[in-house]
Amino acid sequence: MIFGFNTDVEGKDAVYHVQTEDRGEKNPVIDSIIYIKGKIVDRRRTPYVPAEVTTTHVEEMVRQQHRALVEEIRSGTFAPSGTPLPQSEPFATGYEVRLQNPAELVRGPNLQFEFSLAHRGPAPPEADVSLEARWVLDGMPAGTDAVKAEPDGSAIVSFPIPVEQTEAVLVVCVQGSLGKQFAKYRVGATRA
């Protein structure tokens, strides 16, 4: 039996339809298809080994993948796979988020992300700006790090280098008195 979910989600630019299902033992993949007005705009597939998971575990994987996509769309951080993302998603808030070291992330066993946070417009510097980063591997949350920005607007978060995955996503939320700003970064590696 195929297990899955269908949800219509109000995004920042359109109403999306998210369909996620387990394709079954003959095609062991959790498959999510995202539509706008009946047109496919993205597809996320997570393969699994049937002998290594229970039916309950597969159902939970389907729920989590579906929930993650719905949340990405609702929060405005969704971008179709293969679409280049700007350094920072433009929202009507007062913060600008910039990754300072995109080519130099490796620091020992970790990936270290160095950000500079700035105000848009003439706003004075703030003392209480926080940055929360969510590390997502193969569509599943793998860690969270939250820090306060330094007085100069710098903030650093780090996560262990993924061993099995070749692509990951870092979702960043900067929050302060001027509101929230989200940014999303795709991190990829090549195997030797």
C-alpha atoms as a PDB file:
ATOM      1  CA  MET A   1       0.000   0.000   0.000  1.00  0.00           C
ATOM      2  CA  ILE A   2       1.283   3.484  -0.851  1.00  0.00           C
ATOM      3  CA  PHE A   3       1.388   5.875   2.121  1.00  0.00           C
ATOM      4  CA  GLY A   4       1.473   9.641   1.627  1.00  0.00           C
ATOM      5  CA  PHE A   5       0.207  13.190   2.088  1.00  0.00           C
ATOM      6  CA  ASN A   6      -1.248  15.967  -0.103  1.00  0.00           C
ATOM      7  CA  THR A   7      -1.252  19.573   1.140  1.00  0.00           C
ATOM      8  CA  ASP A   8      -2.010  22.958  -0.412  1.00  0.00           C
ATOM      9  CA  VAL A   9       0.360  25.574   1.039  1.00  0.00           C
ATOM     10  CA  GLU A  10       0.205  29.365   0.765  1.00  0.00           C
ATOM     11  CA  GLY A  11       3.721  30.515  -0.196  1.00  0.00           C
ATOM     12  CA  LYS A  12       5.127  34.025  -0.515  1.00  0.00           C
ATOM     13  CA  ASP A  13       4.541  34.042  -4.289  1.00  0.00           C
ATOM     14  CA  ALA A  14       1.893  31.371  -5.012  1.00  0.00           C
ATOM     15  CA  VAL A  15      -0.207  28.522  -3.661  1.00  0.00           C
ATOM     16  CA  TYR A  16       1.817  25.303  -3.821  1.00  0.00           C
ATOM     17  CA  HIS A  17       0.535  21.740  -3.812  1.00  0.00           C
ATOM     18  CA  VAL A  18       2.897  19.305  -2.062  1.00  0.00           C
ATOM     19  CA  GLN A  19       2.441  15.578  -2.633  1.00  0.00           C
ATOM     20  CA  THR A  20       4.679  13.166  -0.706  1.00  0.00           C
ATOM     21  CA  GLU A  21       4.455   9.385  -0.779  1.00  0.00           C
ATOM     22  CA  ASP A  22       6.356   6.168  -0.267  1.00  0.00           C
ATOM     23  CA  ARG A  23       6.690   4.406  -3.630  1.00  0.00           C
ATOM     24  CA  GLY A  24       6.799   0.960  -1.952  1.00  0.00           C
ATOM     25  CA  GLU A  25       9.297  -1.902  -1.721  1.00  0.00           C
ATOM     26  CA  LYS A  26       9.636  -2.355  -5.495  1.00  0.00           C
ATOM     27  CA  ASN A  27      10.709   1.294  -5.804  1.00  0.00           C
ATOM     28  CA  PRO A  28      11.950   2.204  -2.290  1.00  0.00           C
ATOM     29  CA  VAL A  29      11.882   5.992  -2.527  1.00  0.00           C
ATOM     30  CA  ILE A  30      10.114   8.699  -0.566  1.00  0.00           C
ATOM     31  CA  ASP A  31       8.988  10.986  -3.355  1.00  0.00           C
ATOM     32  CA  SER A  32       7.791  14.579  -2.945  1.00  0.00           C
ATOM     33  CA  ILE A  33       6.452  16.523  -5.921  1.00  0.00           C
ATOM     34  CA  ILE A  34       5.745  20.254  -5.625  1.00  0.00           C
ATOM     35  CA  TYR A  35       3.250  21.862  -8.013  1.00  0.00           C
ATOM     36  CA  ILE A  36       2.068  25.386  -8.795  1.00  0.00           C
ATOM     37  CA  LYS A  37      -1.195  25.484 -10.794  1.00  0.00           C
ATOM     38  CA  GLY A  38      -0.716  21.861 -11.866  1.00  0.00           C
ATOM     39  CA  LYS A  39       2.850  22.386 -13.126  1.00  0.00           C
ATOM     40  CA  ILE A  40       5.695  20.503 -11.416  1.00  0.00           C
ATOM     41  CA  VAL A  41       8.213  23.002 -10.022  1.00  0.00           C
ATOM     42  CA  ASP A  42      10.366  20.631  -7.953  1.00  0.00           C
ATOM     43  CA  ARG A  43      10.801  17.030  -6.910  1.00  0.00           C
ATOM     44  CA  ARG A  44      12.623  15.672  -3.857  1.00  0.00           C
ATOM     45  CA  ARG A  45      13.471  11.970  -3.660  1.00  0.00           C
ATOM     46  CA  THR A  46      14.917  10.117  -0.679  1.00  0.00           C
ATOM     47  CA  PRO A  47      15.866   6.477  -1.348  1.00  0.00           C
ATOM     48  CA  TYR A  48      15.935   3.886   1.440  1.00  0.00           C
ATOM     49  CA  VAL A  49      16.772   0.202   1.883  1.00  0.00           C
ATOM     50  CA  PRO A  50      13.572  -1.734   2.738  1.00  0.00           C
ATOM     51  CA  ALA A  51      15.428  -4.367   4.777  1.00  0.00           C
ATOM     52  CA  GLU A  52      16.877  -1.654   7.042  1.00  0.00           C
ATOM     53  CA  VAL A  53      13.634   0.129   8.024  1.00  0.00           C
ATOM     54  CA  THR A  54      10.238  -0.761   9.444  1.00  0.00           C
ATOM     55  CA  THR A  55       6.915   0.357   7.989  1.00  0.00           C
ATOM     56  CA  THR A  56       6.520   2.734  10.931  1.00  0.00           C
ATOM     57  CA  HIS A  57       9.945   4.257  10.228  1.00  0.00           C
ATOM     58  CA  VAL A  58       9.114   4.738   6.529  1.00  0.00           C
ATOM     59  CA  GLU A  59       5.828   6.441   7.456  1.00  0.00           C
ATOM     60  CA  GLU A  60       7.713   8.788   9.812  1.00  0.00           C
ATOM     61  CA  MET A  61      10.259   9.565   7.059  1.00  0.00           C
ATOM     62  CA  VAL A  62       7.358  10.449   4.713  1.00  0.00           C
ATOM     63  CA  ARG A  63       5.818  12.701   7.392  1.00  0.00           C
ATOM     64  CA  GLN A  64       9.128  14.460   8.087  1.00  0.00           C
ATOM     65  CA  GLN A  65       9.992  15.053   4.426  1.00  0.00           C
ATOM     66  CA  HIS A  66       6.481  16.372   3.728  1.00  0.00           C
ATOM     67  CA  ARG A  67       6.472  18.569   6.844  1.00  0.00           C
ATOM     68  CA  ALA A  68       9.922  20.006   5.987  1.00  0.00           C
ATOM     69  CA  LEU A  69       8.802  21.012   2.474  1.00  0.00           C
ATOM     70  CA  VAL A  70       5.557  22.552   3.755  1.00  0.00           C
ATOM     71  CA  GLU A  71       7.545  24.546   6.344  1.00  0.00           C
ATOM     72  CA  GLU A  72      10.074  25.718   3.716  1.00  0.00           C
ATOM     73  CA  ILE A  73       7.219  27.040   1.579  1.00  0.00           C
ATOM     74  CA  ARG A  74       5.414  28.705   4.509  1.00  0.00           C
ATOM     75  CA  SER A  75       8.592  30.358   5.822  1.00  0.00           C
ATOM     76  CA  GLY A  76       9.602  31.632   2.372  1.00  0.00           C
ATOM     77  CA  THR A  77      12.854  29.630   2.239  1.00  0.00           C
ATOM     78  CA  PHE A  78      11.760  27.159  -0.470  1.00  0.00           C
ATOM     79  CA  ALA A  79      13.740  27.234  -3.703  1.00  0.00           C
ATOM     80  CA  PRO A  80      13.425  24.577  -6.408  1.00  0.00           C
ATOM     81  CA  SER A  81      16.401  22.199  -6.644  1.00  0.00           C
ATOM     82  CA  GLY A  82      18.948  23.327  -9.177  1.00  0.00           C
ATOM     83  CA  THR A  83      17.834  26.953  -8.944  1.00  0.00           C
ATOM     84  CA  PRO A  84      20.682  29.252  -7.911  1.00  0.00           C
ATOM     85  CA  LEU A  85      19.807  31.112  -4.735  1.00  0.00           C
ATOM     86  CA  PRO A  86      20.858  34.647  -3.975  1.00  0.00           C
ATOM     87  CA  GLN A  87      23.127  35.182  -0.961  1.00  0.00           C
ATOM     88  CA  SER A  88      20.088  36.315   0.967  1.00  0.00           C
ATOM     89  CA  GLU A  89      16.382  35.963   0.257  1.00  0.00           C
ATOM     90  CA  PRO A  90      14.834  39.461   0.073  1.00  0.00           C
ATOM     91  CA  PHE A  91      12.186  40.011   2.724  1.00  0.00           C
ATOM     92  CA  ALA A  92      10.657  43.226   3.985  1.00  0.00           C
ATOM     93  CA  THR A  93      12.827  43.370   7.086  1.00  0.00           C
ATOM     94  CA  GLY A  94      15.818  45.367   8.143  1.00  0.00           C
ATOM     95  CA  TYR A  95      18.593  42.748   7.990  1.00  0.00           C
ATOM     96  CA  GLU A  96      21.038  41.635   5.344  1.00  0.00           C
ATOM     97  CA  VAL A  97      22.772  38.263   5.763  1.00  0.00           C
ATOM     98  CA  ARG A  98      26.060  37.543   3.980  1.00  0.00           C
ATOM     99  CA  LEU A  99      28.154  34.384   4.059  1.00  0.00           C
ATOM    100  CA  GLN A 100      31.731  35.671   4.247  1.00  0.00           C
ATOM    101  CA  ASN A 101      33.643  32.437   3.555  1.00  0.00           C
ATOM    102  CA  PRO A 102      31.751  30.391   0.923  1.00  0.00           C
ATOM    103  CA  ALA A 103      34.955  28.919  -0.547  1.00  0.00           C
ATOM    104  CA  GLU A 104      36.692  28.260   2.790  1.00  0.00           C
ATOM    105  CA  LEU A 105      34.219  26.380   4.986  1.00  0.00           C
ATOM    106  CA  VAL A 106      36.373  23.473   6.181  1.00  0.00           C
ATOM    107  CA  ARG A 107      37.870  23.911   9.652  1.00  0.00           C
ATOM    108  CA  GLY A 108      39.214  20.553  10.887  1.00  0.00           C
ATOM    109  CA  PRO A 109      36.325  18.069  11.195  1.00  0.00           C
ATOM    110  CA  ASN A 110      33.716  20.838  10.848  1.00  0.00           C
ATOM    111  CA  LEU A 111      32.228  23.193   8.308  1.00  0.00           C
ATOM    112  CA  GLN A 112      32.382  26.703   9.763  1.00  0.00           C
ATOM    113  CA  PHE A 113      30.019  29.336   8.387  1.00  0.00           C
ATOM    114  CA  GLU A 114      31.092  32.945   8.999  1.00  0.00           C
ATOM    115  CA  PHE A 115      28.309  35.488   8.544  1.00  0.00           C
ATOM    116  CA  SER A 116      28.141  39.251   8.533  1.00  0.00           C
ATOM    117  CA  LEU A 117      24.801  40.716   9.564  1.00  0.00           C
ATOM    118  CA  ALA A 118      23.915  44.275   8.682  1.00  0.00           C
ATOM    119  CA  HIS A 119      20.899  46.559   8.808  1.00  0.00           C
ATOM    120  CA  ARG A 120      19.272  47.749   5.627  1.00  0.00           C
ATOM    121  CA  GLY A 121      18.802  51.494   5.547  1.00  0.00           C
ATOM    122  CA  PRO A 122      19.751  53.990   8.233  1.00  0.00           C
ATOM    123  CA  ALA A 123      18.972  51.825  11.290  1.00  0.00           C
ATOM    124  CA  PRO A 124      21.514  52.110  14.126  1.00  0.00           C
ATOM    125  CA  PRO A 125      23.459  48.990  15.229  1.00  0.00           C
ATOM    126  CA  GLU A 126      21.632  46.662  17.612  1.00  0.00           C
ATOM    127  CA  ALA A 127      23.066  44.826  20.577  1.00  0.00           C
ATOM    128  CA  ASP A 128      20.594  41.941  20.606  1.00  0.00           C
ATOM    129  CA  VAL A 129      20.539  40.234  17.193  1.00  0.00           C
ATOM    130  CA  SER A 130      20.485  36.430  17.124  1.00  0.00           C
ATOM    131  CA  LEU A 131      21.240  33.933  14.373  1.00  0.00           C
ATOM    132  CA  GLU A 132      19.780  30.428  14.310  1.00  0.00           C
ATOM    133  CA  ALA A 133      21.090  27.934  11.769  1.00  0.00           C
ATOM    134  CA  ARG A 134      19.441  24.632  10.842  1.00  0.00           C
ATOM    135  CA  TRP A 135      21.590  21.984   9.159  1.00  0.00           C
ATOM    136  CA  VAL A 136      19.572  19.717   6.845  1.00  0.00           C
ATOM    137  CA  LEU A 137      21.059  16.540   5.330  1.00  0.00           C
ATOM    138  CA  ASP A 138      19.099  14.584   2.713  1.00  0.00           C
ATOM    139  CA  GLY A 139      15.978  16.562   3.604  1.00  0.00           C
ATOM    140  CA  MET A 140      16.171  15.652   7.304  1.00  0.00           C
ATOM    141  CA  PRO A 141      17.102  18.086  10.116  1.00  0.00           C
ATOM    142  CA  ALA A 142      20.553  17.130  11.389  1.00  0.00           C
ATOM    143  CA  GLY A 143      21.365  19.916  13.845  1.00  0.00           C
ATOM    144  CA  THR A 144      20.707  23.436  15.061  1.00  0.00           C
ATOM    145  CA  ASP A 145      23.105  26.112  16.295  1.00  0.00           C
ATOM    146  CA  ALA A 146      22.022  29.463  17.740  1.00  0.00           C
ATOM    147  CA  VAL A 147      24.365  32.372  18.517  1.00  0.00           C
ATOM    148  CA  LYS A 148      24.195  36.077  19.344  1.00  0.00           C
ATOM    149  CA  ALA A 149      25.828  38.361  16.788  1.00  0.00           C
ATOM    150  CA  GLU A 150      28.978  40.185  17.873  1.00  0.00           C
ATOM    151  CA  PRO A 151      28.821  44.003  18.125  1.00  0.00           C
ATOM    152  CA  ASP A 152      30.447  44.238  14.663  1.00  0.00           C
ATOM    153  CA  GLY A 153      27.639  42.091  13.170  1.00  0.00           C
ATOM    154  CA  SER A 154      29.675  38.906  12.797  1.00  0.00           C
ATOM    155  CA  ALA A 155      28.324  35.480  13.740  1.00  0.00           C
ATOM    156  CA  ILE A 156      29.852  32.015  13.365  1.00  0.00           C
ATOM    157  CA  VAL A 157      28.154  28.609  13.390  1.00  0.00           C
ATOM    158  CA  SER A 158      29.663  25.211  12.656  1.00  0.00           C
ATOM    159  CA  PHE A 159      28.499  21.668  12.006  1.00  0.00           C
ATOM    160  CA  PRO A 160      30.338  18.349  11.487  1.00  0.00           C
ATOM    161  CA  ILE A 161      31.297  17.608   7.894  1.00  0.00           C
ATOM    162  CA  PRO A 162      28.712  15.156   6.471  1.00  0.00           C
ATOM    163  CA  VAL A 163      30.185  11.703   5.909  1.00  0.00           C
ATOM    164  CA  GLU A 164      27.544  10.001   3.752  1.00  0.00           C
ATOM    165  CA  GLN A 165      25.890  12.980   2.062  1.00  0.00           C
ATOM    166  CA  THR A 166      27.309  15.018  -0.826  1.00  0.00           C
ATOM    167  CA  GLU A 167      24.782  17.851  -0.524  1.00  0.00           C
ATOM    168  CA  ALA A 168      23.348  19.656   2.459  1.00  0.00           C
ATOM    169  CA  VAL A 169      21.285  22.773   3.106  1.00  0.00           C
ATOM    170  CA  LEU A 170      21.858  25.436   5.748  1.00  0.00           C
ATOM    171  CA  VAL A 171      18.780  27.521   6.620  1.00  0.00           C
ATOM    172  CA  VAL A 172      19.574  30.676   8.597  1.00  0.00           C
ATOM    173  CA  CYS A 173      17.173  32.904  10.528  1.00  0.00           C
ATOM    174  CA  VAL A 174      18.408  36.274  11.824  1.00  0.00           C
ATOM    175  CA  GLN A 175      16.127  37.887  14.382  1.00  0.00           C
ATOM    176  CA  GLY A 176      16.141  41.197  16.220  1.00  0.00           C
ATOM    177  CA  SER A 177      14.012  44.260  16.856  1.00  0.00           C
ATOM    178  CA  LEU A 178      13.665  44.899  13.095  1.00  0.00           C
ATOM    179  CA  GLY A 179      12.065  41.491  12.494  1.00  0.00           C
ATOM    180  CA  LYS A 180      13.331  38.278  10.899  1.00  0.00           C
ATOM    181  CA  GLN A 181      15.459  37.596   7.839  1.00  0.00           C
ATOM    182  CA  PHE A 182      15.915  34.137   6.303  1.00  0.00           C
ATOM    183  CA  ALA A 183      18.710  32.908   4.066  1.00  0.00           C
ATOM    184  CA  LYS A 184      19.295  29.471   2.561  1.00  0.00           C
ATOM    185  CA  TYR A 185      22.593  28.003   1.355  1.00  0.00           C
ATOM    186  CA  ARG A 186      23.183  24.771  -0.530  1.00  0.00           C
ATOM    187  CA  VAL A 187      26.455  23.084   0.362  1.00  0.00           C
ATOM    188  CA  GLY A 188      27.812  20.479  -2.018  1.00  0.00           C
ATOM    189  CA  ALA A 189      30.917  18.323  -2.154  1.00  0.00           C
ATOM    190  CA  THR A 190      32.461  15.987  -4.651  1.00  0.00           C
ATOM    191  CA  ARG A 191      33.869  12.613  -3.758  1.00  0.00           C
ATOM    192  CA  ALA A 192      37.396  11.785  -4.838  1.00  0.00           C
END
